[in-house]
């Protein structure tokens, strides 16, 4: 793929929220995310990351999207989801990982600073990100226990996750997939929470409107963004031991969103401690 020929860099752009200190020795962990989509393929927004005890359920396929899921799936706004995480977990750790250009373009790679994790309280990993451009397409895990990064006896086992578009991109069911630029993030949407509301269950995304219909795939920038193709590579997420890294002390910015055909981003989350 063309994007494999690009020089890849690692960028420690991260907003981390530590909800509580753990009384046992913490394990230093880092997260690396890469957009594997081909040139002129899919982008995705900064990725929300959560480490928890297996009880935090972002969504359920076949159910309806919560307000927090809607805001991330429609606008890339991860702050509501993080707020829910903070009040519903015990000693949870969360953050938002961005690329150097905030959003992840094909070929972009970003590595976080250190997450200090408890093998019990932070035994499981969850994530969510909006696919852009789209009305309300997203990726994330609907099973809170899908990704166990510590074994039951406390041994760190990490994660190396490959995300395929045809089996992973979900439709939040909260906005009609009309792909009209003014309603579509990263095409022409200028304010959040626009588009035609619908009330459908979350399900695997059927794909963008076909070429020739005036939708996303007719934009030359996204000529190769049909993620429904079998084996379409979308992203890789690695959760690894980070004992050789130094902690990041960069202040965490507040959430910010810029809409339009030229730029759409989520800068980060505001930190909060309990």
C-alpha atoms as a PDB file:
ATOM      1  CA  UNK A   1       0.000   0.000   0.000  1.00  0.00           C
ATOM      2  CA  UNK A   2       1.142   3.525  -0.701  1.00  0.00           C
ATOM      3  CA  UNK A   3       0.947   4.588   2.916  1.00  0.00           C
ATOM      4  CA  UNK A   4       3.454   1.880   3.849  1.00  0.00           C
ATOM      5  CA  UNK A   5       6.081   3.783   1.842  1.00  0.00           C
ATOM      6  CA  UNK A   6       5.705   6.887   3.978  1.00  0.00           C
ATOM      7  CA  UNK A   7       8.127   7.818   6.745  1.00  0.00           C
ATOM      8  CA  UNK A   8       6.452   6.904  10.004  1.00  0.00           C
ATOM      9  CA  UNK A   9       7.001   8.958  13.122  1.00  0.00           C
ATOM     10  CA  UNK A  10       5.925   8.563  16.710  1.00  0.00           C
ATOM     11  CA  UNK A  11       4.187  11.520  18.351  1.00  0.00           C
ATOM     12  CA  UNK A  12       3.461  11.592  22.106  1.00  0.00           C
ATOM     13  CA  UNK A  13       0.248  13.628  21.922  1.00  0.00           C
ATOM     14  CA  UNK A  14      -2.020  12.472  24.726  1.00  0.00           C
ATOM     15  CA  UNK A  15      -4.596  13.567  27.231  1.00  0.00           C
ATOM     16  CA  UNK A  16      -4.694  11.263  30.264  1.00  0.00           C
ATOM     17  CA  UNK A  17      -7.211  11.211  33.082  1.00  0.00           C
ATOM     18  CA  UNK A  18      -6.316   9.344  36.269  1.00  0.00           C
ATOM     19  CA  UNK A  19      -9.357   8.708  38.407  1.00  0.00           C
ATOM     20  CA  UNK A  20      -7.692   7.380  41.531  1.00  0.00           C
ATOM     21  CA  UNK A  21      -4.377   6.134  42.808  1.00  0.00           C
ATOM     22  CA  UNK A  22      -3.860   2.416  43.271  1.00  0.00           C
ATOM     23  CA  UNK A  23      -2.407   1.018  46.489  1.00  0.00           C
ATOM     24  CA  UNK A  24      -0.352  -1.627  44.642  1.00  0.00           C
ATOM     25  CA  UNK A  25       2.617  -1.246  42.316  1.00  0.00           C
ATOM     26  CA  UNK A  26       1.446   0.186  39.001  1.00  0.00           C
ATOM     27  CA  UNK A  27       2.533  -1.162  35.638  1.00  0.00           C
ATOM     28  CA  UNK A  28       3.748   1.498  33.157  1.00  0.00           C
ATOM     29  CA  UNK A  29       2.004   0.953  29.823  1.00  0.00           C
ATOM     30  CA  UNK A  30       1.989   2.805  26.501  1.00  0.00           C
ATOM     31  CA  UNK A  31      -0.480   2.725  23.604  1.00  0.00           C
ATOM     32  CA  UNK A  32       0.450   3.022  19.927  1.00  0.00           C
ATOM     33  CA  UNK A  33      -2.172   3.594  17.236  1.00  0.00           C
ATOM     34  CA  UNK A  34      -1.645   3.532  13.472  1.00  0.00           C
ATOM     35  CA  UNK A  35      -4.062   4.279  10.653  1.00  0.00           C
ATOM     36  CA  UNK A  36      -3.566   1.374   8.231  1.00  0.00           C
ATOM     37  CA  UNK A  37      -6.007   2.611   5.583  1.00  0.00           C
ATOM     38  CA  UNK A  38      -4.621   2.993   2.059  1.00  0.00           C
ATOM     39  CA  UNK A  39      -3.964   6.354   0.417  1.00  0.00           C
ATOM     40  CA  UNK A  40      -7.252   8.232  -0.161  1.00  0.00           C
ATOM     41  CA  UNK A  41      -8.796   5.994   2.473  1.00  0.00           C
ATOM     42  CA  UNK A  42     -10.531   6.574   5.780  1.00  0.00           C
ATOM     43  CA  UNK A  43      -9.493   8.990   8.492  1.00  0.00           C
ATOM     44  CA  UNK A  44     -10.529   8.687  12.125  1.00  0.00           C
ATOM     45  CA  UNK A  45     -10.724  11.087  15.042  1.00  0.00           C
ATOM     46  CA  UNK A  46      -8.489  11.036  18.135  1.00  0.00           C
ATOM     47  CA  UNK A  47      -9.097   7.753  19.886  1.00  0.00           C
ATOM     48  CA  UNK A  48     -10.672   7.538  23.329  1.00  0.00           C
ATOM     49  CA  UNK A  49      -8.925   4.914  25.491  1.00  0.00           C
ATOM     50  CA  UNK A  50     -10.139   3.407  28.753  1.00  0.00           C
ATOM     51  CA  UNK A  51      -8.623   0.911  31.190  1.00  0.00           C
ATOM     52  CA  UNK A  52     -11.079  -0.622  33.643  1.00  0.00           C
ATOM     53  CA  UNK A  53     -12.114  -3.729  35.588  1.00  0.00           C
ATOM     54  CA  UNK A  54     -14.274  -5.183  32.813  1.00  0.00           C
ATOM     55  CA  UNK A  55     -17.520  -3.506  33.810  1.00  0.00           C
ATOM     56  CA  UNK A  56     -17.491  -0.437  31.530  1.00  0.00           C
ATOM     57  CA  UNK A  57     -19.712  -1.156  28.523  1.00  0.00           C
ATOM     58  CA  UNK A  58     -19.554   1.554  25.831  1.00  0.00           C
ATOM     59  CA  UNK A  59     -22.389   0.205  23.688  1.00  0.00           C
ATOM     60  CA  UNK A  60     -24.221  -2.946  22.651  1.00  0.00           C
ATOM     61  CA  UNK A  61     -24.775  -3.895  19.022  1.00  0.00           C
ATOM     62  CA  UNK A  62     -28.531  -4.115  18.519  1.00  0.00           C
ATOM     63  CA  UNK A  63     -29.176  -1.554  21.252  1.00  0.00           C
ATOM     64  CA  UNK A  64     -29.551   2.200  20.936  1.00  0.00           C
ATOM     65  CA  UNK A  65     -26.664   4.657  21.196  1.00  0.00           C
ATOM     66  CA  UNK A  66     -26.358   6.558  24.455  1.00  0.00           C
ATOM     67  CA  UNK A  67     -26.016  10.364  24.283  1.00  0.00           C
ATOM     68  CA  UNK A  68     -22.272   9.981  24.926  1.00  0.00           C
ATOM     69  CA  UNK A  69     -21.851   7.497  22.081  1.00  0.00           C
ATOM     70  CA  UNK A  70     -23.888   9.748  19.792  1.00  0.00           C
ATOM     71  CA  UNK A  71     -21.641  12.726  20.435  1.00  0.00           C
ATOM     72  CA  UNK A  72     -18.502  10.761  19.647  1.00  0.00           C
ATOM     73  CA  UNK A  73     -19.985   8.943  16.633  1.00  0.00           C
ATOM     74  CA  UNK A  74     -21.516  12.098  15.118  1.00  0.00           C
ATOM     75  CA  UNK A  75     -19.006  14.805  16.104  1.00  0.00           C
ATOM     76  CA  UNK A  76     -15.843  13.127  17.396  1.00  0.00           C
ATOM     77  CA  UNK A  77     -16.503  14.601  20.852  1.00  0.00           C
ATOM     78  CA  UNK A  78     -15.100  12.158  23.402  1.00  0.00           C
ATOM     79  CA  UNK A  79     -15.662  14.344  26.473  1.00  0.00           C
ATOM     80  CA  UNK A  80     -19.188  13.039  27.261  1.00  0.00           C
ATOM     81  CA  UNK A  81     -18.007   9.431  27.041  1.00  0.00           C
ATOM     82  CA  UNK A  82     -15.083  10.174  29.321  1.00  0.00           C
ATOM     83  CA  UNK A  83     -17.396  11.854  31.817  1.00  0.00           C
ATOM     84  CA  UNK A  84     -19.539   8.706  31.933  1.00  0.00           C
ATOM     85  CA  UNK A  85     -16.400   6.617  32.385  1.00  0.00           C
ATOM     86  CA  UNK A  86     -15.190   8.746  35.275  1.00  0.00           C
ATOM     87  CA  UNK A  87     -18.408   8.478  37.267  1.00  0.00           C
ATOM     88  CA  UNK A  88     -19.067   4.796  36.564  1.00  0.00           C
ATOM     89  CA  UNK A  89     -15.675   3.173  37.149  1.00  0.00           C
ATOM     90  CA  UNK A  90     -13.507   2.637  40.206  1.00  0.00           C
ATOM     91  CA  UNK A  91      -9.850   3.579  39.724  1.00  0.00           C
ATOM     92  CA  UNK A  92     -10.364   3.725  35.956  1.00  0.00           C
ATOM     93  CA  UNK A  93      -7.732   5.315  33.738  1.00  0.00           C
ATOM     94  CA  UNK A  94      -8.649   7.010  30.470  1.00  0.00           C
ATOM     95  CA  UNK A  95      -7.293   9.308  27.790  1.00  0.00           C
ATOM     96  CA  UNK A  96      -7.483  10.514  24.213  1.00  0.00           C
ATOM     97  CA  UNK A  97      -4.638   9.790  21.806  1.00  0.00           C
ATOM     98  CA  UNK A  98      -4.207  12.114  18.825  1.00  0.00           C
ATOM     99  CA  UNK A  99      -1.996  12.058  15.755  1.00  0.00           C
ATOM    100  CA  UNK A 100       0.370  14.949  14.914  1.00  0.00           C
ATOM    101  CA  UNK A 101      -2.459  16.486  12.868  1.00  0.00           C
ATOM    102  CA  UNK A 102      -4.999  15.708  15.617  1.00  0.00           C
ATOM    103  CA  UNK A 103      -7.079  13.374  13.442  1.00  0.00           C
ATOM    104  CA  UNK A 104      -5.491  10.161  12.111  1.00  0.00           C
ATOM    105  CA  UNK A 105      -4.889  10.276   8.355  1.00  0.00           C
ATOM    106  CA  UNK A 106      -3.842   7.134   6.445  1.00  0.00           C
ATOM    107  CA  UNK A 107      -0.314   6.249   7.542  1.00  0.00           C
ATOM    108  CA  UNK A 108      -0.337   8.338  10.735  1.00  0.00           C
ATOM    109  CA  UNK A 109       1.156   6.779  13.878  1.00  0.00           C
ATOM    110  CA  UNK A 110       0.992   8.070  17.444  1.00  0.00           C
ATOM    111  CA  UNK A 111       2.336   6.707  20.730  1.00  0.00           C
ATOM    112  CA  UNK A 112       1.105   7.823  24.127  1.00  0.00           C
ATOM    113  CA  UNK A 113       2.978   8.725  27.231  1.00  0.00           C
ATOM    114  CA  UNK A 114       2.760   6.382  30.214  1.00  0.00           C
ATOM    115  CA  UNK A 115      -0.438   4.997  31.677  1.00  0.00           C
ATOM    116  CA  UNK A 116       0.207   3.655  35.200  1.00  0.00           C
ATOM    117  CA  UNK A 117      -2.166   0.696  35.457  1.00  0.00           C
ATOM    118  CA  UNK A 118      -3.339  -1.557  38.264  1.00  0.00           C
ATOM    119  CA  UNK A 119      -3.523  -5.251  37.210  1.00  0.00           C
ATOM    120  CA  UNK A 120      -6.987  -5.603  38.790  1.00  0.00           C
ATOM    121  CA  UNK A 121      -8.670  -2.214  38.429  1.00  0.00           C
ATOM    122  CA  UNK A 122      -7.309  -1.749  34.899  1.00  0.00           C
ATOM    123  CA  UNK A 123      -7.360  -5.334  33.674  1.00  0.00           C
ATOM    124  CA  UNK A 124      -9.344  -4.553  30.499  1.00  0.00           C
ATOM    125  CA  UNK A 125      -8.980  -2.098  27.615  1.00  0.00           C
ATOM    126  CA  UNK A 126     -11.675  -0.284  25.626  1.00  0.00           C
ATOM    127  CA  UNK A 127     -11.548   2.242  22.799  1.00  0.00           C
ATOM    128  CA  UNK A 128     -13.775   4.345  20.529  1.00  0.00           C
ATOM    129  CA  UNK A 129     -13.225   6.687  17.576  1.00  0.00           C
ATOM    130  CA  UNK A 130     -15.332   8.295  14.844  1.00  0.00           C
ATOM    131  CA  UNK A 131     -14.700   7.382  11.209  1.00  0.00           C
ATOM    132  CA  UNK A 132     -14.383  10.537   9.114  1.00  0.00           C
ATOM    133  CA  UNK A 133     -15.884  11.645   6.903  1.00  0.00           C
ATOM    134  CA  UNK A 134     -19.214  10.109   7.909  1.00  0.00           C
ATOM    135  CA  UNK A 135     -22.538  10.939   9.512  1.00  0.00           C
ATOM    136  CA  UNK A 136     -22.206   8.619  12.522  1.00  0.00           C
ATOM    137  CA  UNK A 137     -19.778   5.804  11.738  1.00  0.00           C
ATOM    138  CA  UNK A 138     -17.396   4.656  14.457  1.00  0.00           C
ATOM    139  CA  UNK A 139     -15.141   1.899  15.733  1.00  0.00           C
ATOM    140  CA  UNK A 140     -15.049   0.563  19.285  1.00  0.00           C
ATOM    141  CA  UNK A 141     -15.627  -2.570  21.343  1.00  0.00           C
ATOM    142  CA  UNK A 142     -19.133  -3.492  22.479  1.00  0.00           C
ATOM    143  CA  UNK A 143     -17.855  -6.222  24.798  1.00  0.00           C
ATOM    144  CA  UNK A 144     -16.177  -4.628  27.833  1.00  0.00           C
ATOM    145  CA  UNK A 145     -14.176  -7.802  28.485  1.00  0.00           C
ATOM    146  CA  UNK A 146     -13.025  -8.280  24.887  1.00  0.00           C
ATOM    147  CA  UNK A 147      -9.469  -7.047  25.462  1.00  0.00           C
ATOM    148  CA  UNK A 148      -7.864  -8.344  28.640  1.00  0.00           C
ATOM    149  CA  UNK A 149      -4.396  -6.846  29.018  1.00  0.00           C
ATOM    150  CA  UNK A 150      -3.617  -8.412  32.419  1.00  0.00           C
ATOM    151  CA  UNK A 151      -4.176 -12.081  33.172  1.00  0.00           C
ATOM    152  CA  UNK A 152      -6.256 -13.123  36.170  1.00  0.00           C
ATOM    153  CA  UNK A 153      -3.068 -13.615  38.173  1.00  0.00           C
ATOM    154  CA  UNK A 154      -1.875 -10.085  37.371  1.00  0.00           C
ATOM    155  CA  UNK A 155       0.605 -10.832  34.578  1.00  0.00           C
ATOM    156  CA  UNK A 156       0.751  -8.171  31.874  1.00  0.00           C
ATOM    157  CA  UNK A 157      -0.027  -9.688  28.481  1.00  0.00           C
ATOM    158  CA  UNK A 158      -0.571  -6.569  26.392  1.00  0.00           C
ATOM    159  CA  UNK A 159      -2.543  -6.281  23.172  1.00  0.00           C
ATOM    160  CA  UNK A 160      -1.849  -6.185  19.440  1.00  0.00           C
ATOM    161  CA  UNK A 161      -5.170  -5.475  17.741  1.00  0.00           C
ATOM    162  CA  UNK A 162      -5.750  -5.238  13.981  1.00  0.00           C
ATOM    163  CA  UNK A 163      -9.020  -3.538  13.045  1.00  0.00           C
ATOM    164  CA  UNK A 164     -10.611  -4.382   9.690  1.00  0.00           C
ATOM    165  CA  UNK A 165     -13.146  -1.988   8.243  1.00  0.00           C
ATOM    166  CA  UNK A 166     -15.566  -4.547   6.850  1.00  0.00           C
ATOM    167  CA  UNK A 167     -16.054  -6.228  10.226  1.00  0.00           C
ATOM    168  CA  UNK A 168     -15.502  -3.354  12.669  1.00  0.00           C
ATOM    169  CA  UNK A 169     -17.067  -0.084  11.473  1.00  0.00           C
ATOM    170  CA  UNK A 170     -20.378   0.466  13.242  1.00  0.00           C
ATOM    171  CA  UNK A 171     -23.356   2.709  12.460  1.00  0.00           C
ATOM    172  CA  UNK A 172     -24.593   4.517  15.580  1.00  0.00           C
ATOM    173  CA  UNK A 173     -28.100   4.687  14.121  1.00  0.00           C
ATOM    174  CA  UNK A 174     -28.602   8.220  15.427  1.00  0.00           C
ATOM    175  CA  UNK A 175     -28.157  10.187  12.197  1.00  0.00           C
ATOM    176  CA  UNK A 176     -29.331   9.483   8.646  1.00  0.00           C
ATOM    177  CA  UNK A 177     -26.424   8.560   6.369  1.00  0.00           C
ATOM    178  CA  UNK A 178     -27.258  11.163   3.735  1.00  0.00           C
ATOM    179  CA  UNK A 179     -23.587  12.189   3.287  1.00  0.00           C
ATOM    180  CA  UNK A 180     -24.705  15.741   2.532  1.00  0.00           C
ATOM    181  CA  UNK A 181     -21.580  17.860   3.181  1.00  0.00           C
ATOM    182  CA  UNK A 182     -23.258  20.244   5.643  1.00  0.00           C
ATOM    183  CA  UNK A 183     -24.298  17.209   7.720  1.00  0.00           C
ATOM    184  CA  UNK A 184     -21.066  15.248   7.351  1.00  0.00           C
ATOM    185  CA  UNK A 185     -18.027  15.735   9.564  1.00  0.00           C
ATOM    186  CA  UNK A 186     -14.861  16.499   7.584  1.00  0.00           C
ATOM    187  CA  UNK A 187     -16.783  17.368   4.404  1.00  0.00           C
ATOM    188  CA  UNK A 188     -18.648  20.581   5.176  1.00  0.00           C
ATOM    189  CA  UNK A 189     -20.101  20.380   8.673  1.00  0.00           C
ATOM    190  CA  UNK A 190     -19.412  23.641  10.517  1.00  0.00           C
ATOM    191  CA  UNK A 191     -21.129  23.081  13.873  1.00  0.00           C
ATOM    192  CA  UNK A 192     -21.672  19.987  16.041  1.00  0.00           C
ATOM    193  CA  UNK A 193     -24.895  18.014  16.312  1.00  0.00           C
ATOM    194  CA  UNK A 194     -26.232  18.654  12.828  1.00  0.00           C
ATOM    195  CA  UNK A 195     -27.802  16.187  10.405  1.00  0.00           C
ATOM    196  CA  UNK A 196     -31.129  14.398  10.223  1.00  0.00           C
ATOM    197  CA  UNK A 197     -31.908  12.500  13.426  1.00  0.00           C
ATOM    198  CA  UNK A 198     -32.966   8.862  13.255  1.00  0.00           C
ATOM    199  CA  UNK A 199     -33.664   6.251  15.920  1.00  0.00           C
ATOM    200  CA  UNK A 200     -32.149   2.995  14.734  1.00  0.00           C
ATOM    201  CA  UNK A 201     -30.193   0.374  16.675  1.00  0.00           C
ATOM    202  CA  UNK A 202     -26.417   0.252  16.501  1.00  0.00           C
ATOM    203  CA  UNK A 203     -25.320  -2.189  13.816  1.00  0.00           C
ATOM    204  CA  UNK A 204     -22.475  -3.001  11.458  1.00  0.00           C
ATOM    205  CA  UNK A 205     -22.209  -0.164   8.963  1.00  0.00           C
ATOM    206  CA  UNK A 206     -23.538  -0.974   5.476  1.00  0.00           C
ATOM    207  CA  UNK A 207     -20.945   1.292   3.862  1.00  0.00           C
ATOM    208  CA  UNK A 208     -20.952   4.683   2.226  1.00  0.00           C
ATOM    209  CA  UNK A 209     -23.348   5.605  -0.547  1.00  0.00           C
ATOM    210  CA  UNK A 210     -22.216   4.194  -3.920  1.00  0.00           C
ATOM    211  CA  UNK A 211     -20.037   6.172  -6.295  1.00  0.00           C
ATOM    212  CA  UNK A 212     -22.086   8.361  -8.587  1.00  0.00           C
ATOM    213  CA  UNK A 213     -24.567   9.329  -5.868  1.00  0.00           C
ATOM    214  CA  UNK A 214     -22.703  12.480  -4.859  1.00  0.00           C
ATOM    215  CA  UNK A 215     -21.548  11.100  -1.513  1.00  0.00           C
ATOM    216  CA  UNK A 216     -18.244  10.543   0.253  1.00  0.00           C
ATOM    217  CA  UNK A 217     -16.799   8.120  -2.306  1.00  0.00           C
ATOM    218  CA  UNK A 218     -17.246  10.717  -5.065  1.00  0.00           C
ATOM    219  CA  UNK A 219     -14.783  13.032  -3.323  1.00  0.00           C
ATOM    220  CA  UNK A 220     -11.300  12.420  -4.855  1.00  0.00           C
ATOM    221  CA  UNK A 221      -9.788  12.688  -1.380  1.00  0.00           C
ATOM    222  CA  UNK A 222     -11.713   9.552  -0.343  1.00  0.00           C
ATOM    223  CA  UNK A 223     -11.648   7.587  -3.571  1.00  0.00           C
ATOM    224  CA  UNK A 224     -10.294   4.547  -1.700  1.00  0.00           C
ATOM    225  CA  UNK A 225     -12.459   4.797   1.438  1.00  0.00           C
ATOM    226  CA  UNK A 226     -14.833   1.881   0.829  1.00  0.00           C
ATOM    227  CA  UNK A 227     -14.160   0.101   4.117  1.00  0.00           C
ATOM    228  CA  UNK A 228     -16.680  -2.660   3.304  1.00  0.00           C
ATOM    229  CA  UNK A 229     -14.175  -4.375   1.021  1.00  0.00           C
ATOM    230  CA  UNK A 230     -13.093  -7.734   2.436  1.00  0.00           C
ATOM    231  CA  UNK A 231      -9.971  -7.387   4.561  1.00  0.00           C
ATOM    232  CA  UNK A 232      -9.899  -3.576   4.346  1.00  0.00           C
ATOM    233  CA  UNK A 233      -7.148  -2.523   6.797  1.00  0.00           C
ATOM    234  CA  UNK A 234      -8.206   0.310   9.059  1.00  0.00           C
ATOM    235  CA  UNK A 235      -6.132   0.509  12.225  1.00  0.00           C
ATOM    236  CA  UNK A 236      -3.719  -1.205  14.573  1.00  0.00           C
ATOM    237  CA  UNK A 237      -3.711  -0.653  18.338  1.00  0.00           C
ATOM    238  CA  UNK A 238      -0.845  -1.915  20.492  1.00  0.00           C
ATOM    239  CA  UNK A 239      -0.801  -1.843  24.292  1.00  0.00           C
ATOM    240  CA  UNK A 240       2.749  -2.491  25.496  1.00  0.00           C
ATOM    241  CA  UNK A 241       4.989  -2.353  28.551  1.00  0.00           C
ATOM    242  CA  UNK A 242       6.567   1.094  28.840  1.00  0.00           C
ATOM    243  CA  UNK A 243       9.221   0.669  31.496  1.00  0.00           C
ATOM    244  CA  UNK A 244      11.782   2.360  29.246  1.00  0.00           C
ATOM    245  CA  UNK A 245       9.736   5.542  28.786  1.00  0.00           C
ATOM    246  CA  UNK A 246       9.668   8.719  30.830  1.00  0.00           C
ATOM    247  CA  UNK A 247       6.371  10.125  32.132  1.00  0.00           C
ATOM    248  CA  UNK A 248       4.756  12.907  30.114  1.00  0.00           C
ATOM    249  CA  UNK A 249       3.954  16.069  32.086  1.00  0.00           C
ATOM    250  CA  UNK A 250       2.466  18.191  29.272  1.00  0.00           C
ATOM    251  CA  UNK A 251      -0.674  20.051  30.443  1.00  0.00           C
ATOM    252  CA  UNK A 252      -3.892  18.530  29.164  1.00  0.00           C
ATOM    253  CA  UNK A 253      -5.885  20.878  26.880  1.00  0.00           C
ATOM    254  CA  UNK A 254      -9.631  21.257  27.026  1.00  0.00           C
ATOM    255  CA  UNK A 255     -11.790  19.668  24.364  1.00  0.00           C
ATOM    256  CA  UNK A 256     -12.063  21.649  21.114  1.00  0.00           C
ATOM    257  CA  UNK A 257     -13.760  20.906  17.826  1.00  0.00           C
ATOM    258  CA  UNK A 258     -13.229  22.552  14.474  1.00  0.00           C
ATOM    259  CA  UNK A 259     -15.632  21.653  11.695  1.00  0.00           C
ATOM    260  CA  UNK A 260     -15.303  22.084   7.952  1.00  0.00           C
ATOM    261  CA  UNK A 261     -13.893  20.513   4.833  1.00  0.00           C
ATOM    262  CA  UNK A 262     -10.359  21.528   5.755  1.00  0.00           C
ATOM    263  CA  UNK A 263     -10.157  20.579   9.407  1.00  0.00           C
ATOM    264  CA  UNK A 264     -12.017  18.513  11.956  1.00  0.00           C
ATOM    265  CA  UNK A 265     -10.417  17.640  15.243  1.00  0.00           C
ATOM    266  CA  UNK A 266     -10.693  16.849  18.903  1.00  0.00           C
ATOM    267  CA  UNK A 267      -7.730  18.285  20.752  1.00  0.00           C
ATOM    268  CA  UNK A 268      -8.068  16.410  24.012  1.00  0.00           C
ATOM    269  CA  UNK A 269      -9.885  15.898  27.271  1.00  0.00           C
ATOM    270  CA  UNK A 270      -9.794  17.911  30.432  1.00  0.00           C
ATOM    271  CA  UNK A 271      -8.284  15.910  33.257  1.00  0.00           C
ATOM    272  CA  UNK A 272     -10.198  15.122  36.429  1.00  0.00           C
ATOM    273  CA  UNK A 273      -9.277  13.407  39.664  1.00  0.00           C
ATOM    274  CA  UNK A 274     -11.529  11.852  42.269  1.00  0.00           C
END
